[in-house]
Amino acid sequence: MRAAGEEHPLDQCTDEELLRLAAADGRIMVTRNVKDFARIAHKWAQAGRGHAGCALLVGIDHSEYGLIIKRLERALSERPSPDDWIGYVAYISRGT
């Protein structure tokens, strides 16, 4: 796991650069920035550009760590293979 807010060089990156770095590392992008990352993922899909997956947290506050982990665990259990996440965008909310 990498956190843009905790790695100084990453906090200088644009959203698209962050998704590119995650894709290059084979990591799923987890973010609360639904608006921008949904748009970027859509743009990449239209261009035939892949990524390792995006988990977009909808309506969950960044301080709700327990809930975030529970919802991410559920999403990962529903798609257990990394291949299941390639190019996939999951909208993760309180109820999903």
PDB file of N, CA and C in Angstrom:
ATOM      1  N   MET A   1       0.839  -1.174   0.000  1.00  0.00           N
ATOM      2  CA  MET A   1       0.000   0.000   0.000  1.00  0.00           C
ATOM      3  C   MET A   1       0.882   1.233   0.000  1.00  0.00           C
ATOM      4  N   ARG A   2       0.447   2.219  -0.763  1.00  0.00           N
ATOM      5  CA  ARG A   2       1.110   3.517  -0.766  1.00  0.00           C
ATOM      6  C   ARG A   2       0.043   4.575  -0.526  1.00  0.00           C
ATOM      7  N   ALA A   3       0.397   5.620   0.177  1.00  0.00           N
ATOM      8  CA  ALA A   3      -0.558   6.688   0.467  1.00  0.00           C
ATOM      9  C   ALA A   3       0.017   8.013  -0.009  1.00  0.00           C
ATOM     10  N   ALA A   4      -0.694   8.637  -0.949  1.00  0.00           N
ATOM     11  CA  ALA A   4      -0.215   9.901  -1.512  1.00  0.00           C
ATOM     12  C   ALA A   4      -0.031  10.959  -0.436  1.00  0.00           C
ATOM     13  N   GLY A   5      -0.867  10.959   0.571  1.00  0.00           N
ATOM     14  CA  GLY A   5      -0.759  11.953   1.635  1.00  0.00           C
ATOM     15  C   GLY A   5       0.418  11.725   2.564  1.00  0.00           C
ATOM     16  N   GLU A   6       1.027  10.538   2.487  1.00  0.00           N
ATOM     17  CA  GLU A   6       2.142  10.214   3.377  1.00  0.00           C
ATOM     18  C   GLU A   6       3.485  10.136   2.670  1.00  0.00           C
ATOM     19  N   GLU A   7       3.483  10.169   1.353  1.00  0.00           N
ATOM     20  CA  GLU A   7       4.726  10.150   0.579  1.00  0.00           C
ATOM     21  C   GLU A   7       4.839  11.485  -0.147  1.00  0.00           C
ATOM     22  N   HIS A   8       5.747  12.321   0.326  1.00  0.00           N
ATOM     23  CA  HIS A   8       5.853  13.684  -0.204  1.00  0.00           C
ATOM     24  C   HIS A   8       5.923  13.731  -1.729  1.00  0.00           C
ATOM     25  N   PRO A   9       6.723  12.918  -2.402  1.00  0.00           N
ATOM     26  CA  PRO A   9       6.753  13.021  -3.867  1.00  0.00           C
ATOM     27  C   PRO A   9       5.393  12.732  -4.508  1.00  0.00           C
ATOM     28  N   LEU A  10       4.604  11.865  -3.902  1.00  0.00           N
ATOM     29  CA  LEU A  10       3.307  11.519  -4.478  1.00  0.00           C
ATOM     30  C   LEU A  10       2.288  12.639  -4.329  1.00  0.00           C
ATOM     31  N   ASP A  11       2.413  13.435  -3.273  1.00  0.00           N
ATOM     32  CA  ASP A  11       1.412  14.486  -3.093  1.00  0.00           C
ATOM     33  C   ASP A  11       1.563  15.607  -4.115  1.00  0.00           C
ATOM     34  N   GLN A  12       2.614  15.545  -4.908  1.00  0.00           N
ATOM     35  CA  GLN A  12       2.813  16.511  -5.990  1.00  0.00           C
ATOM     36  C   GLN A  12       2.237  16.011  -7.317  1.00  0.00           C
ATOM     37  N   CYS A  13       1.807  14.750  -7.357  1.00  0.00           N
ATOM     38  CA  CYS A  13       1.319  14.137  -8.595  1.00  0.00           C
ATOM     39  C   CYS A  13      -0.114  14.550  -8.898  1.00  0.00           C
ATOM     40  N   THR A  14      -0.418  14.583 -10.190  1.00  0.00           N
ATOM     41  CA  THR A  14      -1.812  14.781 -10.590  1.00  0.00           C
ATOM     42  C   THR A  14      -2.553  13.467 -10.366  1.00  0.00           C
ATOM     43  N   ASP A  15      -3.874  13.523 -10.409  1.00  0.00           N
ATOM     44  CA  ASP A  15      -4.677  12.316 -10.244  1.00  0.00           C
ATOM     45  C   ASP A  15      -4.337  11.282 -11.316  1.00  0.00           C
ATOM     46  N   GLU A  16      -4.182  11.732 -12.533  1.00  0.00           N
ATOM     47  CA  GLU A  16      -3.857  10.807 -13.619  1.00  0.00           C
ATOM     48  C   GLU A  16      -2.485  10.166 -13.401  1.00  0.00           C
ATOM     49  N   GLU A  17      -1.533  10.922 -12.908  1.00  0.00           N
ATOM     50  CA  GLU A  17      -0.216  10.359 -12.597  1.00  0.00           C
ATOM     51  C   GLU A  17      -0.319   9.325 -11.482  1.00  0.00           C
ATOM     52  N   LEU A  18      -1.160   9.579 -10.483  1.00  0.00           N
ATOM     53  CA  LEU A  18      -1.340   8.606  -9.400  1.00  0.00           C
ATOM     54  C   LEU A  18      -1.923   7.299  -9.934  1.00  0.00           C
ATOM     55  N   LEU A  19      -2.909   7.385 -10.828  1.00  0.00           N
ATOM     56  CA  LEU A  19      -3.476   6.168 -11.402  1.00  0.00           C
ATOM     57  C   LEU A  19      -2.443   5.453 -12.261  1.00  0.00           C
ATOM     58  N   ARG A  20      -1.640   6.203 -12.990  1.00  0.00           N
ATOM     59  CA  ARG A  20      -0.580   5.594 -13.809  1.00  0.00           C
ATOM     60  C   ARG A  20       0.421   4.854 -12.920  1.00  0.00           C
ATOM     61  N   LEU A  21       0.823   5.458 -11.803  1.00  0.00           N
ATOM     62  CA  LEU A  21       1.764   4.808 -10.886  1.00  0.00           C
ATOM     63  C   LEU A  21       1.161   3.542 -10.284  1.00  0.00           C
ATOM     64  N   ALA A  22      -0.104   3.626  -9.875  1.00  0.00           N
ATOM     65  CA  ALA A  22      -0.779   2.450  -9.315  1.00  0.00           C
ATOM     66  C   ALA A  22      -0.848   1.342 -10.359  1.00  0.00           C
ATOM     67  N   ALA A  23      -1.192   1.703 -11.595  1.00  0.00           N
ATOM     68  CA  ALA A  23      -1.274   0.715 -12.671  1.00  0.00           C
ATOM     69  C   ALA A  23       0.090   0.077 -12.929  1.00  0.00           C
ATOM     70  N   ALA A  24       1.131   0.879 -12.944  1.00  0.00           N
ATOM     71  CA  ALA A  24       2.481   0.360 -13.183  1.00  0.00           C
ATOM     72  C   ALA A  24       2.920  -0.604 -12.087  1.00  0.00           C
ATOM     73  N   ASP A  25       2.451  -0.357 -10.861  1.00  0.00           N
ATOM     74  CA  ASP A  25       2.777  -1.231  -9.725  1.00  0.00           C
ATOM     75  C   ASP A  25       1.811  -2.402  -9.595  1.00  0.00           C
ATOM     76  N   GLY A  26       0.755  -2.425 -10.442  1.00  0.00           N
ATOM     77  CA  GLY A  26      -0.256  -3.471 -10.339  1.00  0.00           C
ATOM     78  C   GLY A  26      -1.115  -3.322  -9.094  1.00  0.00           C
ATOM     79  N   ARG A  27      -1.310  -2.087  -8.645  1.00  0.00           N
ATOM     80  CA  ARG A  27      -2.075  -1.806  -7.423  1.00  0.00           C
ATOM     81  C   ARG A  27      -3.445  -1.236  -7.760  1.00  0.00           C
ATOM     82  N   ILE A  28      -4.420  -1.577  -6.953  1.00  0.00           N
ATOM     83  CA  ILE A  28      -5.749  -1.002  -7.069  1.00  0.00           C
ATOM     84  C   ILE A  28      -5.710   0.397  -6.459  1.00  0.00           C
ATOM     85  N   MET A  29      -6.240   1.365  -7.183  1.00  0.00           N
ATOM     86  CA  MET A  29      -6.328   2.733  -6.668  1.00  0.00           C
ATOM     87  C   MET A  29      -7.552   2.821  -5.760  1.00  0.00           C
ATOM     88  N   VAL A  30      -7.355   3.223  -4.522  1.00  0.00           N
ATOM     89  CA  VAL A  30      -8.449   3.423  -3.574  1.00  0.00           C
ATOM     90  C   VAL A  30      -8.494   4.912  -3.264  1.00  0.00           C
ATOM     91  N   THR A  31      -9.649   5.519  -3.496  1.00  0.00           N
ATOM     92  CA  THR A  31      -9.743   6.966  -3.321  1.00  0.00           C
ATOM     93  C   THR A  31     -11.166   7.397  -2.991  1.00  0.00           C
ATOM     94  N   ARG A  32     -11.268   8.530  -2.331  1.00  0.00           N
ATOM     95  CA  ARG A  32     -12.558   9.169  -2.094  1.00  0.00           C
ATOM     96  C   ARG A  32     -12.847  10.191  -3.186  1.00  0.00           C
ATOM     97  N   ASN A  33     -11.902  10.431  -4.062  1.00  0.00           N
ATOM     98  CA  ASN A  33     -12.051  11.415  -5.143  1.00  0.00           C
ATOM     99  C   ASN A  33     -12.817  10.774  -6.304  1.00  0.00           C
ATOM    100  N   VAL A  34     -14.101  10.542  -6.070  1.00  0.00           N
ATOM    101  CA  VAL A  34     -14.945   9.831  -7.031  1.00  0.00           C
ATOM    102  C   VAL A  34     -15.053  10.595  -8.349  1.00  0.00           C
ATOM    103  N   LYS A  35     -15.315  11.874  -8.272  1.00  0.00           N
ATOM    104  CA  LYS A  35     -15.547  12.668  -9.478  1.00  0.00           C
ATOM    105  C   LYS A  35     -14.374  12.578 -10.458  1.00  0.00           C
ATOM    106  N   ASP A  36     -13.179  12.848  -9.973  1.00  0.00           N
ATOM    107  CA  ASP A  36     -12.031  12.882 -10.883  1.00  0.00           C
ATOM    108  C   ASP A  36     -11.608  11.491 -11.346  1.00  0.00           C
ATOM    109  N   PHE A  37     -11.561  10.522 -10.421  1.00  0.00           N
ATOM    110  CA  PHE A  37     -11.076   9.202 -10.815  1.00  0.00           C
ATOM    111  C   PHE A  37     -12.083   8.432 -11.669  1.00  0.00           C
ATOM    112  N   ALA A  38     -13.375   8.669 -11.474  1.00  0.00           N
ATOM    113  CA  ALA A  38     -14.369   8.048 -12.356  1.00  0.00           C
ATOM    114  C   ALA A  38     -14.179   8.571 -13.774  1.00  0.00           C
ATOM    115  N   ARG A  39     -13.959   9.864 -13.899  1.00  0.00           N
ATOM    116  CA  ARG A  39     -13.729  10.482 -15.215  1.00  0.00           C
ATOM    117  C   ARG A  39     -12.448   9.952 -15.854  1.00  0.00           C
ATOM    118  N   ILE A  40     -11.381   9.879 -15.086  1.00  0.00           N
ATOM    119  CA  ILE A  40     -10.106   9.404 -15.615  1.00  0.00           C
ATOM    120  C   ILE A  40     -10.213   7.941 -16.042  1.00  0.00           C
ATOM    121  N   ALA A  41     -10.824   7.110 -15.209  1.00  0.00           N
ATOM    122  CA  ALA A  41     -10.975   5.692 -15.548  1.00  0.00           C
ATOM    123  C   ALA A  41     -11.806   5.527 -16.817  1.00  0.00           C
ATOM    124  N   HIS A  42     -12.850   6.325 -16.957  1.00  0.00           N
ATOM    125  CA  HIS A  42     -13.677   6.274 -18.165  1.00  0.00           C
ATOM    126  C   HIS A  42     -12.854   6.684 -19.394  1.00  0.00           C
ATOM    127  N   LYS A  43     -12.091   7.739 -19.253  1.00  0.00           N
ATOM    128  CA  LYS A  43     -11.236   8.218 -20.348  1.00  0.00           C
ATOM    129  C   LYS A  43     -10.223   7.141 -20.744  1.00  0.00           C
ATOM    130  N   TRP A  44      -9.626   6.501 -19.755  1.00  0.00           N
ATOM    131  CA  TRP A  44      -8.664   5.437 -20.037  1.00  0.00           C
ATOM    132  C   TRP A  44      -9.344   4.270 -20.747  1.00  0.00           C
ATOM    133  N   ALA A  45     -10.539   3.893 -20.309  1.00  0.00           N
ATOM    134  CA  ALA A  45     -11.259   2.781 -20.936  1.00  0.00           C
ATOM    135  C   ALA A  45     -11.545   3.094 -22.398  1.00  0.00           C
ATOM    136  N   GLN A  46     -11.962   4.315 -22.680  1.00  0.00           N
ATOM    137  CA  GLN A  46     -12.244   4.710 -24.058  1.00  0.00           C
ATOM    138  C   GLN A  46     -10.990   4.661 -24.924  1.00  0.00           C
ATOM    139  N   ALA A  47      -9.848   4.925 -24.304  1.00  0.00           N
ATOM    140  CA  ALA A  47      -8.577   4.912 -25.037  1.00  0.00           C
ATOM    141  C   ALA A  47      -7.943   3.523 -25.071  1.00  0.00           C
ATOM    142  N   GLY A  48      -8.589   2.538 -24.444  1.00  0.00           N
ATOM    143  CA  GLY A  48      -8.040   1.189 -24.396  1.00  0.00           C
ATOM    144  C   GLY A  48      -6.851   1.062 -23.459  1.00  0.00           C
ATOM    145  N   ARG A  49      -6.778   1.956 -22.517  1.00  0.00           N
ATOM    146  CA  ARG A  49      -5.669   1.993 -21.557  1.00  0.00           C
ATOM    147  C   ARG A  49      -6.100   1.284 -20.285  1.00  0.00           C
ATOM    148  N   GLY A  50      -5.276   0.394 -19.783  1.00  0.00           N
ATOM    149  CA  GLY A  50      -5.647  -0.399 -18.625  1.00  0.00           C
ATOM    150  C   GLY A  50      -5.122   0.142 -17.308  1.00  0.00           C
ATOM    151  N   HIS A  51      -5.712  -0.348 -16.252  1.00  0.00           N
ATOM    152  CA  HIS A  51      -5.244  -0.077 -14.895  1.00  0.00           C
ATOM    153  C   HIS A  51      -5.567  -1.308 -14.061  1.00  0.00           C
ATOM    154  N   ALA A  52      -5.050  -1.368 -12.855  1.00  0.00           N
ATOM    155  CA  ALA A  52      -5.212  -2.549 -12.000  1.00  0.00           C
ATOM    156  C   ALA A  52      -6.499  -2.507 -11.189  1.00  0.00           C
ATOM    157  N   GLY A  53      -7.334  -1.508 -11.423  1.00  0.00           N
ATOM    158  CA  GLY A  53      -8.605  -1.379 -10.732  1.00  0.00           C
ATOM    159  C   GLY A  53      -8.689  -0.098  -9.940  1.00  0.00           C
ATOM    160  N   CYS A  54      -9.924   0.350  -9.737  1.00  0.00           N
ATOM    161  CA  CYS A  54     -10.188   1.539  -8.926  1.00  0.00           C
ATOM    162  C   CYS A  54     -11.309   1.214  -7.951  1.00  0.00           C
ATOM    163  N   ALA A  55     -11.096   1.531  -6.702  1.00  0.00           N
ATOM    164  CA  ALA A  55     -12.130   1.411  -5.679  1.00  0.00           C
ATOM    165  C   ALA A  55     -12.450   2.828  -5.228  1.00  0.00           C
ATOM    166  N   LEU A  56     -13.627   3.303  -5.629  1.00  0.00           N
ATOM    167  CA  LEU A  56     -14.030   4.670  -5.344  1.00  0.00           C
ATOM    168  C   LEU A  56     -14.965   4.682  -4.142  1.00  0.00           C
ATOM    169  N   LEU A  57     -14.540   5.325  -3.075  1.00  0.00           N
ATOM    170  CA  LEU A  57     -15.301   5.372  -1.826  1.00  0.00           C
ATOM    171  C   LEU A  57     -16.303   6.508  -1.881  1.00  0.00           C
ATOM    172  N   VAL A  58     -17.579   6.147  -1.844  1.00  0.00           N
ATOM    173  CA  VAL A  58     -18.664   7.108  -1.983  1.00  0.00           C
ATOM    174  C   VAL A  58     -19.354   7.319  -0.633  1.00  0.00           C
ATOM    175  N   GLY A  59     -19.356   8.550  -0.157  1.00  0.00           N
ATOM    176  CA  GLY A  59     -20.086   8.873   1.064  1.00  0.00           C
ATOM    177  C   GLY A  59     -19.502   8.295   2.336  1.00  0.00           C
ATOM    178  N   ILE A  60     -18.236   7.952   2.306  1.00  0.00           N
ATOM    179  CA  ILE A  60     -17.556   7.452   3.504  1.00  0.00           C
ATOM    180  C   ILE A  60     -16.460   8.445   3.852  1.00  0.00           C
ATOM    181  N   ASP A  61     -16.467   8.935   5.061  1.00  0.00           N
ATOM    182  CA  ASP A  61     -15.477   9.910   5.501  1.00  0.00           C
ATOM    183  C   ASP A  61     -14.111   9.252   5.648  1.00  0.00           C
ATOM    184  N   HIS A  62     -13.066  10.012   5.361  1.00  0.00           N
ATOM    185  CA  HIS A  62     -11.701   9.468   5.444  1.00  0.00           C
ATOM    186  C   HIS A  62     -11.339   8.994   6.851  1.00  0.00           C
ATOM    187  N   SER A  63     -12.039   9.478   7.865  1.00  0.00           N
ATOM    188  CA  SER A  63     -11.739   9.074   9.243  1.00  0.00           C
ATOM    189  C   SER A  63     -12.428   7.767   9.645  1.00  0.00           C
ATOM    190  N   GLU A  64     -13.282   7.232   8.795  1.00  0.00           N
ATOM    191  CA  GLU A  64     -14.022   6.013   9.115  1.00  0.00           C
ATOM    192  C   GLU A  64     -13.237   4.771   8.670  1.00  0.00           C
ATOM    193  N   TYR A  65     -12.079   4.583   9.271  1.00  0.00           N
ATOM    194  CA  TYR A  65     -11.150   3.539   8.854  1.00  0.00           C
ATOM    195  C   TYR A  65     -11.766   2.140   8.924  1.00  0.00           C
ATOM    196  N   GLY A  66     -12.451   1.839  10.006  1.00  0.00           N
ATOM    197  CA  GLY A  66     -13.047   0.518  10.163  1.00  0.00           C
ATOM    198  C   GLY A  66     -14.039   0.210   9.058  1.00  0.00           C
ATOM    199  N   LEU A  67     -14.894   1.177   8.747  1.00  0.00           N
ATOM    200  CA  LEU A  67     -15.878   0.993   7.685  1.00  0.00           C
ATOM    201  C   LEU A  67     -15.199   0.855   6.336  1.00  0.00           C
ATOM    202  N   ILE A  68     -14.196   1.666   6.085  1.00  0.00           N
ATOM    203  CA  ILE A  68     -13.464   1.579   4.815  1.00  0.00           C
ATOM    204  C   ILE A  68     -12.864   0.184   4.658  1.00  0.00           C
ATOM    205  N   ILE A  69     -12.221  -0.308   5.696  1.00  0.00           N
ATOM    206  CA  ILE A  69     -11.599  -1.636   5.617  1.00  0.00           C
ATOM    207  C   ILE A  69     -12.647  -2.718   5.402  1.00  0.00           C
ATOM    208  N   LYS A  70     -13.767  -2.658   6.115  1.00  0.00           N
ATOM    209  CA  LYS A  70     -14.834  -3.654   5.935  1.00  0.00           C
ATOM    210  C   LYS A  70     -15.354  -3.655   4.509  1.00  0.00           C
ATOM    211  N   ARG A  71     -15.609  -2.482   3.967  1.00  0.00           N
ATOM    212  CA  ARG A  71     -16.147  -2.401   2.605  1.00  0.00           C
ATOM    213  C   ARG A  71     -15.117  -2.843   1.568  1.00  0.00           C
ATOM    214  N   LEU A  72     -13.854  -2.497   1.781  1.00  0.00           N
ATOM    215  CA  LEU A  72     -12.811  -2.952   0.858  1.00  0.00           C
ATOM    216  C   LEU A  72     -12.637  -4.465   0.934  1.00  0.00           C
ATOM    217  N   GLU A  73     -12.672  -5.017   2.150  1.00  0.00           N
ATOM    218  CA  GLU A  73     -12.563  -6.474   2.296  1.00  0.00           C
ATOM    219  C   GLU A  73     -13.695  -7.179   1.554  1.00  0.00           C
ATOM    220  N   ARG A  74     -14.896  -6.635   1.668  1.00  0.00           N
ATOM    221  CA  ARG A  74     -16.043  -7.231   0.968  1.00  0.00           C
ATOM    222  C   ARG A  74     -15.836  -7.168  -0.545  1.00  0.00           C
ATOM    223  N   ALA A  75     -15.422  -6.004  -1.046  1.00  0.00           N
ATOM    224  CA  ALA A  75     -15.211  -5.858  -2.493  1.00  0.00           C
ATOM    225  C   ALA A  75     -14.120  -6.806  -2.980  1.00  0.00           C
ATOM    226  N   LEU A  76     -13.062  -6.951  -2.201  1.00  0.00           N
ATOM    227  CA  LEU A  76     -11.966  -7.847  -2.595  1.00  0.00           C
ATOM    228  C   LEU A  76     -12.388  -9.306  -2.518  1.00  0.00           C
ATOM    229  N   SER A  77     -13.254  -9.657  -1.583  1.00  0.00           N
ATOM    230  CA  SER A  77     -13.717 -11.046  -1.495  1.00  0.00           C
ATOM    231  C   SER A  77     -14.647 -11.384  -2.661  1.00  0.00           C
ATOM    232  N   GLU A  78     -15.362 -10.392  -3.172  1.00  0.00           N
ATOM    233  CA  GLU A  78     -16.242 -10.615  -4.315  1.00  0.00           C
ATOM    234  C   GLU A  78     -15.468 -10.726  -5.623  1.00  0.00           C
ATOM    235  N   ARG A  79     -14.285 -10.175  -5.655  1.00  0.00           N
ATOM    236  CA  ARG A  79     -13.396 -10.236  -6.824  1.00  0.00           C
ATOM    237  C   ARG A  79     -12.007 -10.614  -6.304  1.00  0.00           C
ATOM    238  N   PRO A  80     -11.812 -11.884  -5.938  1.00  0.00           N
ATOM    239  CA  PRO A  80     -10.587 -12.273  -5.249  1.00  0.00           C
ATOM    240  C   PRO A  80      -9.323 -12.294  -6.110  1.00  0.00           C
ATOM    241  N   SER A  81      -9.474 -12.439  -7.398  1.00  0.00           N
ATOM    242  CA  SER A  81      -8.297 -12.499  -8.263  1.00  0.00           C
ATOM    243  C   SER A  81      -7.910 -11.095  -8.724  1.00  0.00           C
ATOM    244  N   PRO A  82      -6.620 -10.778  -8.713  1.00  0.00           N
ATOM    245  CA  PRO A  82      -6.198  -9.477  -9.257  1.00  0.00           C
ATOM    246  C   PRO A  82      -6.679  -9.272 -10.691  1.00  0.00           C
ATOM    247  N   ASP A  83      -6.784 -10.355 -11.444  1.00  0.00           N
ATOM    248  CA  ASP A  83      -7.272 -10.242 -12.827  1.00  0.00           C
ATOM    249  C   ASP A  83      -8.709  -9.740 -12.875  1.00  0.00           C
ATOM    250  N   ASP A  84      -9.492 -10.035 -11.828  1.00  0.00           N
ATOM    251  CA  ASP A  84     -10.882  -9.573 -11.763  1.00  0.00           C
ATOM    252  C   ASP A  84     -10.974  -8.052 -11.673  1.00  0.00           C
ATOM    253  N   TRP A  85      -9.916  -7.421 -11.241  1.00  0.00           N
ATOM    254  CA  TRP A  85      -9.922  -5.981 -11.027  1.00  0.00           C
ATOM    255  C   TRP A  85      -9.383  -5.183 -12.211  1.00  0.00           C
ATOM    256  N   ILE A  86      -8.731  -5.841 -13.136  1.00  0.00           N
ATOM    257  CA  ILE A  86      -8.117  -5.118 -14.254  1.00  0.00           C
ATOM    258  C   ILE A  86      -9.188  -4.343 -15.018  1.00  0.00           C
ATOM    259  N   GLY A  87      -9.018  -3.037 -15.054  1.00  0.00           N
ATOM    260  CA  GLY A  87      -9.943  -2.162 -15.741  1.00  0.00           C
ATOM    261  C   GLY A  87     -11.280  -1.950 -15.048  1.00  0.00           C
ATOM    262  N   TYR A  88     -11.462  -2.537 -13.872  1.00  0.00           N
ATOM    263  CA  TYR A  88     -12.734  -2.479 -13.153  1.00  0.00           C
ATOM    264  C   TYR A  88     -12.776  -1.280 -12.219  1.00  0.00           C
ATOM    265  N   VAL A  89     -13.940  -0.637 -12.156  1.00  0.00           N
ATOM    266  CA  VAL A  89     -14.157   0.466 -11.229  1.00  0.00           C
ATOM    267  C   VAL A  89     -15.281   0.056 -10.276  1.00  0.00           C
ATOM    268  N   ALA A  90     -14.973  -0.003  -8.994  1.00  0.00           N
ATOM    269  CA  ALA A  90     -15.960  -0.363  -7.973  1.00  0.00           C
ATOM    270  C   ALA A  90     -16.350   0.898  -7.218  1.00  0.00           C
ATOM    271  N   TYR A  91     -17.650   1.100  -7.101  1.00  0.00           N
ATOM    272  CA  TYR A  91     -18.168   2.203  -6.292  1.00  0.00           C
ATOM    273  C   TYR A  91     -18.546   1.596  -4.943  1.00  0.00           C
ATOM    274  N   ILE A  92     -17.809   1.990  -3.925  1.00  0.00           N
ATOM    275  CA  ILE A  92     -17.968   1.393  -2.608  1.00  0.00           C
ATOM    276  C   ILE A  92     -18.586   2.422  -1.666  1.00  0.00           C
ATOM    277  N   SER A  93     -19.745   2.055  -1.127  1.00  0.00           N
ATOM    278  CA  SER A  93     -20.457   2.983  -0.237  1.00  0.00           C
ATOM    279  C   SER A  93     -20.750   2.283   1.083  1.00  0.00           C
ATOM    280  N   ARG A  94     -21.439   2.970   1.953  1.00  0.00           N
ATOM    281  CA  ARG A  94     -21.785   2.407   3.255  1.00  0.00           C
ATOM    282  C   ARG A  94     -22.530   1.089   3.139  1.00  0.00           C
ATOM    283  N   GLY A  95     -23.394   0.970   2.155  1.00  0.00           N
ATOM    284  CA  GLY A  95     -24.229  -0.222   2.032  1.00  0.00           C
ATOM    285  C   GLY A  95     -23.678  -1.294   1.125  1.00  0.00           C
ATOM    286  N   THR A  96     -22.534  -1.066   0.486  1.00  0.00           N
ATOM    287  CA  THR A  96     -21.993  -2.082  -0.444  1.00  0.00           C
ATOM    288  C   THR A  96     -20.627  -2.529  -0.030  1.00  0.00           C
TER     289      THR A  96
END
